[in-house]
C-alpha atoms as a PDB file:
ATOM      1  CA  MET A   1       0.124   0.141   0.047  1.00  0.00           C
ATOM      2  CA  ASP A   2       1.056   3.662  -0.950  1.00  0.00           C
ATOM      3  CA  LEU A   3       1.086   5.895   1.538  1.00  0.00           C
ATOM      4  CA  SER A   4       3.830   8.676   0.491  1.00  0.00           C
ATOM      5  CA  ASN A   5       0.917  11.091   0.201  1.00  0.00           C
ATOM      6  CA  GLY A   6      -0.032  11.198   3.641  1.00  0.00           C
ATOM      7  CA  GLU A   7      -3.224  10.186   5.166  1.00  0.00           C
ATOM      8  CA  THR A   8      -4.988   7.653   3.335  1.00  0.00           C
ATOM      9  CA  PHE A   9      -7.926   4.805   4.632  1.00  0.00           C
ATOM     10  CA  ILE A  10      -8.036   1.420   5.228  1.00  0.00           C
ATOM     11  CA  GLU A  11     -10.967  -1.482   6.319  1.00  0.00           C
ATOM     12  CA  ALA A  12     -10.138  -3.227   9.315  1.00  0.00           C
ATOM     13  CA  ASN A  13     -12.413  -5.609  11.532  1.00  0.00           C
ATOM     14  CA  GLY A  14     -15.546  -3.589  10.087  1.00  0.00           C
ATOM     15  CA  ALA A  15     -14.636  -0.139  10.203  1.00  0.00           C
ATOM     16  CA  GLU A  16     -12.917   2.306   8.010  1.00  0.00           C
ATOM     17  CA  LEU A  17      -9.543   3.739   9.607  1.00  0.00           C
ATOM     18  CA  CYS A  18      -7.371   6.874   8.591  1.00  0.00           C
ATOM     19  CA  VAL A  19      -3.478   5.616   8.594  1.00  0.00           C
ATOM     20  CA  GLU A  20      -0.558   8.158   7.964  1.00  0.00           C
ATOM     21  CA  THR A  21       3.064   6.521   7.781  1.00  0.00           C
ATOM     22  CA  PHE A  22       6.446   8.519   8.260  1.00  0.00           C
ATOM     23  CA  GLY A  23      10.126   7.205   7.095  1.00  0.00           C
ATOM     24  CA  ASP A  24      10.997   4.095   5.177  1.00  0.00           C
ATOM     25  CA  PRO A  25       8.565   0.685   5.206  1.00  0.00           C
ATOM     26  CA  ARG A  26      12.188  -0.871   5.169  1.00  0.00           C
ATOM     27  CA  ASP A  27      12.840  -0.116   8.901  1.00  0.00           C
ATOM     28  CA  PRO A  28      11.181  -1.413  12.024  1.00  0.00           C
ATOM     29  CA  ALA A  29       7.706  -0.673  12.265  1.00  0.00           C
ATOM     30  CA  VAL A  30       6.618   1.124  15.588  1.00  0.00           C
ATOM     31  CA  LEU A  31       2.635   1.705  15.666  1.00  0.00           C
ATOM     32  CA  LEU A  32       1.519   4.530  17.602  1.00  0.00           C
ATOM     33  CA  VAL A  33      -1.928   4.232  19.537  1.00  0.00           C
ATOM     34  CA  ASP A  34      -3.619   7.126  21.268  1.00  0.00           C
ATOM     35  CA  GLY A  35      -5.942   6.605  24.308  1.00  0.00           C
ATOM     36  CA  ALA A  36      -9.561   8.187  24.947  1.00  0.00           C
ATOM     37  CA  ALA A  37     -11.089  10.382  22.761  1.00  0.00           C
ATOM     38  CA  ALA A  38      -7.480  11.386  21.028  1.00  0.00           C
ATOM     39  CA  SER A  39      -7.108  11.486  17.002  1.00  0.00           C
ATOM     40  CA  MET A  40      -3.495  10.497  16.037  1.00  0.00           C
ATOM     41  CA  LEU A  41      -2.758  13.912  15.815  1.00  0.00           C
ATOM     42  CA  TRP A  42      -1.943  13.820  19.400  1.00  0.00           C
ATOM     43  CA  TRP A  43       1.133  12.285  18.394  1.00  0.00           C
ATOM     44  CA  GLU A  44       2.271  15.587  16.493  1.00  0.00           C
ATOM     45  CA  THR A  45       3.461  15.186  13.371  1.00  0.00           C
ATOM     46  CA  GLU A  46       6.832  16.770  14.256  1.00  0.00           C
ATOM     47  CA  LEU A  47       7.135  13.892  17.052  1.00  0.00           C
ATOM     48  CA  CYS A  48       6.576  11.124  14.478  1.00  0.00           C
ATOM     49  CA  GLU A  49       9.022  12.839  12.173  1.00  0.00           C
ATOM     50  CA  GLN A  50      11.752  12.728  15.067  1.00  0.00           C
ATOM     51  CA  ILE A  51      11.133   8.808  15.150  1.00  0.00           C
ATOM     52  CA  ALA A  52      11.433   8.386  11.680  1.00  0.00           C
ATOM     53  CA  SER A  53      14.451   9.728  11.743  1.00  0.00           C
ATOM     54  CA  GLY A  54      16.205   7.493  13.682  1.00  0.00           C
ATOM     55  CA  GLY A  55      15.245   4.918  11.342  1.00  0.00           C
ATOM     56  CA  ARG A  56      11.777   3.744  12.173  1.00  0.00           C
ATOM     57  CA  PHE A  57       8.689   2.856   9.837  1.00  0.00           C
ATOM     58  CA  VAL A  58       6.534   5.200  11.936  1.00  0.00           C
ATOM     59  CA  ILE A  59       2.603   4.422  11.704  1.00  0.00           C
ATOM     60  CA  ARG A  60      -0.259   6.669  13.937  1.00  0.00           C
ATOM     61  CA  TYR A  61      -4.130   6.244  12.920  1.00  0.00           C
ATOM     62  CA  ASP A  62      -7.313   7.543  13.964  1.00  0.00           C
ATOM     63  CA  ASN A  63      -9.113   4.825  16.517  1.00  0.00           C
ATOM     64  CA  ARG A  64     -13.070   4.703  16.100  1.00  0.00           C
ATOM     65  CA  ASP A  65     -15.072   7.874  16.914  1.00  0.00           C
ATOM     66  CA  THR A  66     -11.738  10.068  16.857  1.00  0.00           C
ATOM     67  CA  GLY A  67     -10.915  12.075  13.424  1.00  0.00           C
ATOM     68  CA  ARG A  68     -11.640  10.973   9.889  1.00  0.00           C
ATOM     69  CA  SER A  69     -12.347   7.229  11.072  1.00  0.00           C
ATOM     70  CA  THR A  70     -15.561   5.355  11.336  1.00  0.00           C
ATOM     71  CA  SER A  71     -17.254   7.475  13.607  1.00  0.00           C
ATOM     72  CA  TYR A  72     -20.939   6.304  15.830  1.00  0.00           C
ATOM     73  CA  PRO A  73     -24.019   7.854  16.802  1.00  0.00           C
ATOM     74  CA  PRO A  74     -23.263   9.909  20.157  1.00  0.00           C
ATOM     75  CA  GLY A  75     -23.557   7.666  23.168  1.00  0.00           C
ATOM     76  CA  GLN A  76     -24.030   4.303  21.332  1.00  0.00           C
ATOM     77  CA  PRO A  77     -20.488   3.260  20.197  1.00  0.00           C
ATOM     78  CA  GLY A  78     -20.850   0.010  17.736  1.00  0.00           C
ATOM     79  CA  TYR A  79     -17.823  -1.799  19.220  1.00  0.00           C
ATOM     80  CA  ALA A  80     -16.170  -3.153  22.616  1.00  0.00           C
ATOM     81  CA  TYR A  81     -12.560  -2.407  23.769  1.00  0.00           C
ATOM     82  CA  THR A  82     -11.462  -5.317  21.926  1.00  0.00           C
ATOM     83  CA  ASP A  83     -12.262  -3.931  18.579  1.00  0.00           C
ATOM     84  CA  LEU A  84     -10.329  -1.293  18.969  1.00  0.00           C
ATOM     85  CA  ALA A  85      -7.344  -3.916  19.376  1.00  0.00           C
ATOM     86  CA  LYS A  86      -8.604  -5.791  16.692  1.00  0.00           C
ATOM     87  CA  ASP A  87      -8.528  -2.539  14.540  1.00  0.00           C
ATOM     88  CA  ALA A  88      -4.760  -1.927  15.810  1.00  0.00           C
ATOM     89  CA  LEU A  89      -4.132  -6.048  13.941  1.00  0.00           C
ATOM     90  CA  GLY A  90      -5.809  -4.408  11.057  1.00  0.00           C
ATOM     91  CA  VAL A  91      -3.605  -1.365  10.301  1.00  0.00           C
ATOM     92  CA  LEU A  92      -0.621  -3.788  10.996  1.00  0.00           C
ATOM     93  CA  ASP A  93      -2.158  -6.285   8.138  1.00  0.00           C
ATOM     94  CA  ALA A  94      -2.956  -3.475   5.691  1.00  0.00           C
ATOM     95  CA  LEU A  95       0.510  -2.461   5.755  1.00  0.00           C
ATOM     96  CA  GLU A  96       1.772  -6.592   5.806  1.00  0.00           C
ATOM     97  CA  ILE A  97       3.446  -5.961   8.719  1.00  0.00           C
ATOM     98  CA  GLN A  98       4.012  -9.400  10.834  1.00  0.00           C
ATOM     99  CA  ARG A  99       5.441  -7.224  14.011  1.00  0.00           C
ATOM    100  CA  ALA A 100       5.777  -4.009  15.339  1.00  0.00           C
ATOM    101  CA  HIS A 101       7.099  -2.087  18.149  1.00  0.00           C
ATOM    102  CA  VAL A 102       3.903  -1.300  19.858  1.00  0.00           C
ATOM    103  CA  VAL A 103       3.420   2.432  22.017  1.00  0.00           C
ATOM    104  CA  CYS A 104       0.293   2.356  23.729  1.00  0.00           C
ATOM    105  CA  ARG A 105      -0.885   5.798  25.985  1.00  0.00           C
ATOM    106  CA  SER A 106      -3.407   6.427  28.476  1.00  0.00           C
ATOM    107  CA  MET A 107      -6.606   4.387  27.690  1.00  0.00           C
ATOM    108  CA  ALA A 108      -4.700   2.219  24.976  1.00  0.00           C
ATOM    109  CA  GLY A 109      -2.645   0.371  27.826  1.00  0.00           C
ATOM    110  CA  GLY A 110      -5.029  -2.231  27.271  1.00  0.00           C
ATOM    111  CA  ILE A 111      -4.628  -2.346  23.600  1.00  0.00           C
ATOM    112  CA  GLY A 112      -0.898  -2.941  24.660  1.00  0.00           C
ATOM    113  CA  LEU A 113      -1.615  -5.604  26.852  1.00  0.00           C
ATOM    114  CA  ILE A 114      -3.956  -7.579  24.386  1.00  0.00           C
ATOM    115  CA  PHE A 115      -1.058  -7.185  21.866  1.00  0.00           C
ATOM    116  CA  GLY A 116       1.279  -8.631  24.459  1.00  0.00           C
ATOM    117  CA  VAL A 117      -0.565 -11.686  25.698  1.00  0.00           C
ATOM    118  CA  ASP A 118      -2.916 -12.789  23.005  1.00  0.00           C
ATOM    119  CA  HIS A 119      -0.509 -11.457  20.531  1.00  0.00           C
ATOM    120  CA  PRO A 120       2.614 -11.766  21.154  1.00  0.00           C
ATOM    121  CA  ASP A 121       3.941 -13.241  17.735  1.00  0.00           C
ATOM    122  CA  ARG A 122       2.794  -9.706  16.526  1.00  0.00           C
ATOM    123  CA  VAL A 123       4.678  -7.823  19.144  1.00  0.00           C
ATOM    124  CA  ALA A 124       8.693  -6.901  18.959  1.00  0.00           C
ATOM    125  CA  SER A 125       8.165  -4.548  21.941  1.00  0.00           C
ATOM    126  CA  LEU A 126       5.959  -2.254  23.972  1.00  0.00           C
ATOM    127  CA  THR A 127       6.014   0.737  25.319  1.00  0.00           C
ATOM    128  CA  PHE A 128       3.768   2.185  27.728  1.00  0.00           C
ATOM    129  CA  VAL A 129       2.949   5.655  27.877  1.00  0.00           C
ATOM    130  CA  SER A 130       1.223   7.423  31.073  1.00  0.00           C
ATOM    131  CA  THR A 131      -0.877   4.124  31.886  1.00  0.00           C
ATOM    132  CA  SER A 132      -1.829   2.003  34.849  1.00  0.00           C
ATOM    133  CA  THR A 133      -2.165  -1.269  35.532  1.00  0.00           C
ATOM    134  CA  GLY A 134      -5.577  -0.629  37.157  1.00  0.00           C
ATOM    135  CA  GLU A 135      -5.009  -2.305  40.903  1.00  0.00           C
ATOM    136  CA  GLU A 136      -6.525  -1.648  44.054  1.00  0.00           C
ATOM    137  CA  GLY A 137      -4.625   0.312  46.201  1.00  0.00           C
ATOM    138  CA  LEU A 138      -2.844   2.647  43.367  1.00  0.00           C
ATOM    139  CA  PRO A 139      -3.752   6.608  44.113  1.00  0.00           C
ATOM    140  CA  SER A 140      -6.760   8.066  42.435  1.00  0.00           C
ATOM    141  CA  SER A 141      -6.837  10.777  39.932  1.00  0.00           C
ATOM    142  CA  SER A 142      -5.348  14.283  41.613  1.00  0.00           C
ATOM    143  CA  ASP A 143      -8.159  16.375  43.285  1.00  0.00           C
ATOM    144  CA  GLU A 144      -6.642  19.882  41.434  1.00  0.00           C
ATOM    145  CA  LEU A 145      -8.016  17.405  38.252  1.00  0.00           C
ATOM    146  CA  ALA A 146     -10.811  16.855  39.341  1.00  0.00           C
ATOM    147  CA  GLY A 147     -11.590  20.906  40.735  1.00  0.00           C
ATOM    148  CA  SER A 148     -10.204  22.005  37.157  1.00  0.00           C
ATOM    149  CA  ALA A 149     -12.158  19.808  35.051  1.00  0.00           C
ATOM    150  CA  PRO A 150     -14.578  22.145  32.730  1.00  0.00           C
ATOM    151  CA  ALA A 151     -18.150  21.366  31.924  1.00  0.00           C
ATOM    152  CA  ASP A 152     -19.085  19.975  28.851  1.00  0.00           C
ATOM    153  CA  PRO A 153     -19.659  22.001  25.565  1.00  0.00           C
ATOM    154  CA  ASP A 154     -22.543  21.848  23.171  1.00  0.00           C
ATOM    155  CA  PRO A 155     -20.874  19.751  20.419  1.00  0.00           C
ATOM    156  CA  ALA A 156     -22.400  21.880  18.035  1.00  0.00           C
ATOM    157  CA  ASN A 157     -20.563  25.007  18.929  1.00  0.00           C
ATOM    158  CA  ALA A 158     -17.040  24.270  17.521  1.00  0.00           C
ATOM    159  CA  ALA A 159     -15.835  27.333  19.697  1.00  0.00           C
ATOM    160  CA  ALA A 160     -16.968  25.901  23.166  1.00  0.00           C
ATOM    161  CA  VAL A 161     -15.261  22.490  21.890  1.00  0.00           C
ATOM    162  CA  VAL A 162     -12.022  23.656  21.588  1.00  0.00           C
ATOM    163  CA  ASN A 163     -12.388  25.664  24.843  1.00  0.00           C
ATOM    164  CA  PHE A 164     -12.952  22.625  26.150  1.00  0.00           C
ATOM    165  CA  VAL A 165     -10.783  20.271  25.356  1.00  0.00           C
ATOM    166  CA  VAL A 166      -7.701  22.754  25.730  1.00  0.00           C
ATOM    167  CA  ALA A 167      -8.796  23.431  29.178  1.00  0.00           C
ATOM    168  CA  SER A 168      -8.833  19.759  29.600  1.00  0.00           C
ATOM    169  CA  ALA A 169      -5.533  19.153  28.354  1.00  0.00           C
ATOM    170  CA  LYS A 170      -4.058  21.978  30.284  1.00  0.00           C
ATOM    171  CA  ALA A 171      -5.508  19.991  33.728  1.00  0.00           C
ATOM    172  CA  TYR A 172      -4.053  16.850  32.909  1.00  0.00           C
ATOM    173  CA  SER A 173      -0.957  18.368  32.233  1.00  0.00           C
ATOM    174  CA  GLY A 174      -0.591  18.448  36.023  1.00  0.00           C
ATOM    175  CA  GLY A 175       0.616  22.011  36.414  1.00  0.00           C
ATOM    176  CA  SER A 176       3.901  20.995  34.389  1.00  0.00           C
ATOM    177  CA  PRO A 177       6.057  23.908  33.265  1.00  0.00           C
ATOM    178  CA  TYR A 178       5.977  22.547  29.771  1.00  0.00           C
ATOM    179  CA  PHE A 179       2.440  23.136  29.017  1.00  0.00           C
ATOM    180  CA  ASP A 180       1.867  25.259  25.863  1.00  0.00           C
ATOM    181  CA  GLU A 181      -1.515  26.156  25.063  1.00  0.00           C
ATOM    182  CA  THR A 182      -0.900  28.371  22.045  1.00  0.00           C
ATOM    183  CA  ALA A 183       0.077  24.670  20.664  1.00  0.00           C
ATOM    184  CA  THR A 184      -2.416  23.206  22.073  1.00  0.00           C
ATOM    185  CA  ARG A 185      -5.219  25.123  21.179  1.00  0.00           C
ATOM    186  CA  ALA A 186      -3.451  25.171  17.343  1.00  0.00           C
ATOM    187  CA  LEU A 187      -3.662  21.567  17.617  1.00  0.00           C
ATOM    188  CA  VAL A 188      -6.903  21.257  18.907  1.00  0.00           C
ATOM    189  CA  GLU A 189      -8.543  23.205  16.135  1.00  0.00           C
ATOM    190  CA  GLN A 190      -7.278  21.205  13.572  1.00  0.00           C
ATOM    191  CA  ASP A 191      -8.419  18.297  15.268  1.00  0.00           C
ATOM    192  CA  VAL A 192     -12.056  19.632  16.016  1.00  0.00           C
ATOM    193  CA  ALA A 193     -12.377  20.494  12.424  1.00  0.00           C
ATOM    194  CA  ARG A 194     -11.190  17.243  10.996  1.00  0.00           C
ATOM    195  CA  ALA A 195     -13.808  15.222  13.018  1.00  0.00           C
ATOM    196  CA  ARG A 196     -16.542  13.047  11.604  1.00  0.00           C
ATOM    197  CA  ASN A 197     -18.739  13.915  14.727  1.00  0.00           C
ATOM    198  CA  ILE A 198     -16.783  15.582  17.392  1.00  0.00           C
ATOM    199  CA  ALA A 199     -19.722  14.963  19.772  1.00  0.00           C
ATOM    200  CA  SER A 200     -18.975  11.048  19.568  1.00  0.00           C
ATOM    201  CA  THR A 201     -15.369  11.905  19.722  1.00  0.00           C
ATOM    202  CA  LEU A 202     -16.354  13.397  23.528  1.00  0.00           C
ATOM    203  CA  VAL A 203     -18.070  10.489  24.679  1.00  0.00           C
ATOM    204  CA  ASN A 204     -18.718   7.102  22.884  1.00  0.00           C
ATOM    205  CA  HIS A 205     -14.706   5.810  24.402  1.00  0.00           C
ATOM    206  CA  TYR A 206     -16.022   6.102  27.622  1.00  0.00           C
ATOM    207  CA  ALA A 207     -19.585   4.320  27.147  1.00  0.00           C
ATOM    208  CA  MET A 208     -18.143   1.371  24.871  1.00  0.00           C
ATOM    209  CA  ASP A 209     -17.579  -1.925  26.765  1.00  0.00           C
ATOM    210  CA  PHE A 210     -14.393  -2.685  28.445  1.00  0.00           C
ATOM    211  CA  ASP A 211     -13.800  -6.412  27.753  1.00  0.00           C
ATOM    212  CA  GLY A 212     -10.488  -7.577  27.975  1.00  0.00           C
ATOM    213  CA  PRO A 213      -7.436  -9.870  27.413  1.00  0.00           C
ATOM    214  CA  SER A 214      -7.201 -13.553  28.157  1.00  0.00           C
ATOM    215  CA  GLY A 215      -4.736 -12.970  30.899  1.00  0.00           C
ATOM    216  CA  GLY A 216      -2.585 -10.133  33.102  1.00  0.00           C
ATOM    217  CA  PHE A 217       0.392  -7.938  32.937  1.00  0.00           C
ATOM    218  CA  GLY A 218       2.208 -10.524  33.971  1.00  0.00           C
ATOM    219  CA  GLY A 219       1.648 -12.318  30.700  1.00  0.00           C
ATOM    220  CA  ILE A 220       3.515 -10.323  28.856  1.00  0.00           C
ATOM    221  CA  THR A 221       7.200 -11.474  27.438  1.00  0.00           C
ATOM    222  CA  ALA A 222       7.959  -9.078  24.709  1.00  0.00           C
ATOM    223  CA  PRO A 223      10.362  -6.191  25.864  1.00  0.00           C
ATOM    224  CA  THR A 224       8.831  -3.399  27.343  1.00  0.00           C
ATOM    225  CA  LEU A 225       9.593   0.537  28.409  1.00  0.00           C
ATOM    226  CA  VAL A 226       7.204   1.692  30.548  1.00  0.00           C
ATOM    227  CA  VAL A 227       6.881   6.019  30.146  1.00  0.00           C
ATOM    228  CA  HIS A 228       5.497   8.174  32.407  1.00  0.00           C
ATOM    229  CA  GLY A 229       5.591  11.676  34.326  1.00  0.00           C
ATOM    230  CA  ASP A 230       5.668  12.448  37.446  1.00  0.00           C
ATOM    231  CA  HIS A 231       3.265  15.382  37.425  1.00  0.00           C
ATOM    232  CA  ASP A 232       0.873  12.839  35.964  1.00  0.00           C
ATOM    233  CA  PRO A 233      -2.780  13.837  38.103  1.00  0.00           C
ATOM    234  CA  ALA A 234      -5.077  11.408  36.262  1.00  0.00           C
ATOM    235  CA  PHE A 235      -2.904   8.225  36.941  1.00  0.00           C
ATOM    236  CA  PRO A 236       0.196   9.386  39.601  1.00  0.00           C
ATOM    237  CA  LEU A 237       3.511   8.017  39.369  1.00  0.00           C
ATOM    238  CA  PRO A 238       2.773   5.034  41.329  1.00  0.00           C
ATOM    239  CA  HIS A 239       0.984   3.754  38.561  1.00  0.00           C
ATOM    240  CA  GLY A 240       3.764   3.745  36.474  1.00  0.00           C
ATOM    241  CA  GLN A 241       5.957   2.020  39.111  1.00  0.00           C
ATOM    242  CA  ALA A 242       3.690  -0.653  39.635  1.00  0.00           C
ATOM    243  CA  LEU A 243       3.335  -1.198  35.629  1.00  0.00           C
ATOM    244  CA  ARG A 244       7.074  -1.757  35.880  1.00  0.00           C
ATOM    245  CA  GLU A 245       6.850  -4.332  38.323  1.00  0.00           C
ATOM    246  CA  ALA A 246       4.174  -5.952  36.929  1.00  0.00           C
ATOM    247  CA  VAL A 247       5.605  -6.930  33.472  1.00  0.00           C
ATOM    248  CA  PRO A 248       8.717  -9.181  33.831  1.00  0.00           C
ATOM    249  CA  GLY A 249      11.882  -7.337  33.109  1.00  0.00           C
ATOM    250  CA  ALA A 250      10.485  -4.048  32.506  1.00  0.00           C
ATOM    251  CA  LYS A 251      12.036  -0.363  32.490  1.00  0.00           C
ATOM    252  CA  LEU A 252      10.636   2.509  33.892  1.00  0.00           C
ATOM    253  CA  LEU A 253      11.449   6.099  32.125  1.00  0.00           C
ATOM    254  CA  VAL A 254      10.175   9.089  33.982  1.00  0.00           C
ATOM    255  CA  LEU A 255       9.600  12.456  32.527  1.00  0.00           C
ATOM    256  CA  HIS A 256      10.371  14.902  35.258  1.00  0.00           C
ATOM    257  CA  GLY A 257       7.835  17.757  34.492  1.00  0.00           C
ATOM    258  CA  ALA A 258       5.571  15.678  32.107  1.00  0.00           C
ATOM    259  CA  GLY A 259       1.862  15.212  33.424  1.00  0.00           C
ATOM    260  CA  HIS A 260      -0.819  13.063  31.483  1.00  0.00           C
ATOM    261  CA  ASP A 261       1.017  14.141  27.823  1.00  0.00           C
ATOM    262  CA  LEU A 262       4.169  13.960  26.167  1.00  0.00           C
ATOM    263  CA  PRO A 263       5.708  17.538  26.218  1.00  0.00           C
ATOM    264  CA  ARG A 264       7.303  18.886  23.271  1.00  0.00           C
ATOM    265  CA  PRO A 265      10.857  20.279  25.461  1.00  0.00           C
ATOM    266  CA  LEU A 266      11.061  16.402  26.754  1.00  0.00           C
ATOM    267  CA  TRP A 267      10.809  14.404  23.343  1.00  0.00           C
ATOM    268  CA  ASN A 268      14.816  14.886  23.629  1.00  0.00           C
ATOM    269  CA  VAL A 269      14.716  12.295  26.489  1.00  0.00           C
ATOM    270  CA  PHE A 270      11.723  10.087  24.875  1.00  0.00           C
ATOM    271  CA  VAL A 271      12.823   9.747  21.388  1.00  0.00           C
ATOM    272  CA  PRO A 272      16.495   8.520  22.444  1.00  0.00           C
ATOM    273  CA  ALA A 273      14.638   5.832  24.846  1.00  0.00           C
ATOM    274  CA  LEU A 274      11.968   4.571  22.189  1.00  0.00           C
ATOM    275  CA  LEU A 275      14.733   4.318  19.473  1.00  0.00           C
ATOM    276  CA  ARG A 276      16.849   2.829  22.194  1.00  0.00           C
ATOM    277  CA  HIS A 277      14.226   0.104  22.894  1.00  0.00           C
ATOM    278  CA  THR A 278      13.026  -0.442  19.386  1.00  0.00           C
ATOM    279  CA  GLU A 279      16.710  -1.658  18.285  1.00  0.00           C
ATOM    280  CA  GLY A 280      16.725  -4.486  16.039  1.00  0.00           C
ATOM    281  CA  ASP A 281      13.603  -6.644  14.441  1.00  0.00           C
ATOM    282  CA  ARG A 282      13.827  -5.408  10.881  1.00  0.00           C
ATOM    283  CA  PRO A 283      11.474  -6.666   8.350  1.00  0.00           C
END
C-alpha cells in the first residue's frame, strides 16, 4: 500500500480507519496507539518525524470515533474495547507488517496488554505511556484534576469544544511547566475541524464495553518500556511504577515535569529512549 501522499483509509475489522505513516517501510515498524477521545494528531507530526529519522517506520491512525475514522451515534458506540485492539492488528495487516513495536498511551494501555498477552507473535516490543495496571491500592486521580475539569460543551459549538478540550489538556498536564497552551489550541482546532463527529469523539470511548484480554500484565514476554510523567494527575507516578513491577523485565523512564502528556521539550528524552528500546527486528 502506497502511503506516500499522507493520510489514507483502510478497511479493518469492519471499520474504516484513517492512517498515516512516516519513514521507510523497510525500517522497524513503530505503531502509535492513542487513548480515549484522542485522534492520531495527538502523536504530533514533528514527533513522528523525529522517531522516523532514527530509522523507524512510524504509523499513526485515528481510532474509531476520532478524527476521520468510522464514527457512531453519540452514546452508542458499535464496538467494544477488544475491537479497538483488532483494529490495530488490522492496520498492521493492511500494511503487511508481521511484527511491530507497539506504543500505547493512556487508555490504550489495555490494547498493548491485549497485544502482549493474546498476540505476542505480532509484538517486537511494547511501550506504555501514561497508563496503569488498574490494580487496587494505587492513588486516585488528583483532587486538582477533578476540581479543574471544565463543563461539557455543546458539540454544535466548535469554539466551545475547542475551549473545553484545551482546558482539559491543561488540567491533565498536572501543572507541568512545559504545557504550551498556544500549541495545544492550534492542535485542537485542527482536530475538531477534521473530526467526522466531534460529539461522538467526546463521549463514545467512555461508553463502550471494556472487555479484556485472556491474561494480565505478568503474561507479557515482549521487551517493555514504561514511560510516565511525575506530574501526571490522572495516573500519579505510582501507577507507572506498579506497571514496571507487573511486567517481567520492564524498564521505567520517568519524564520529570511531564503530566499525562508528552511535552515537546521532553521529546529529546523520550525519542532517544524509544529508539534504543526499538532497536533491531528489521523486516
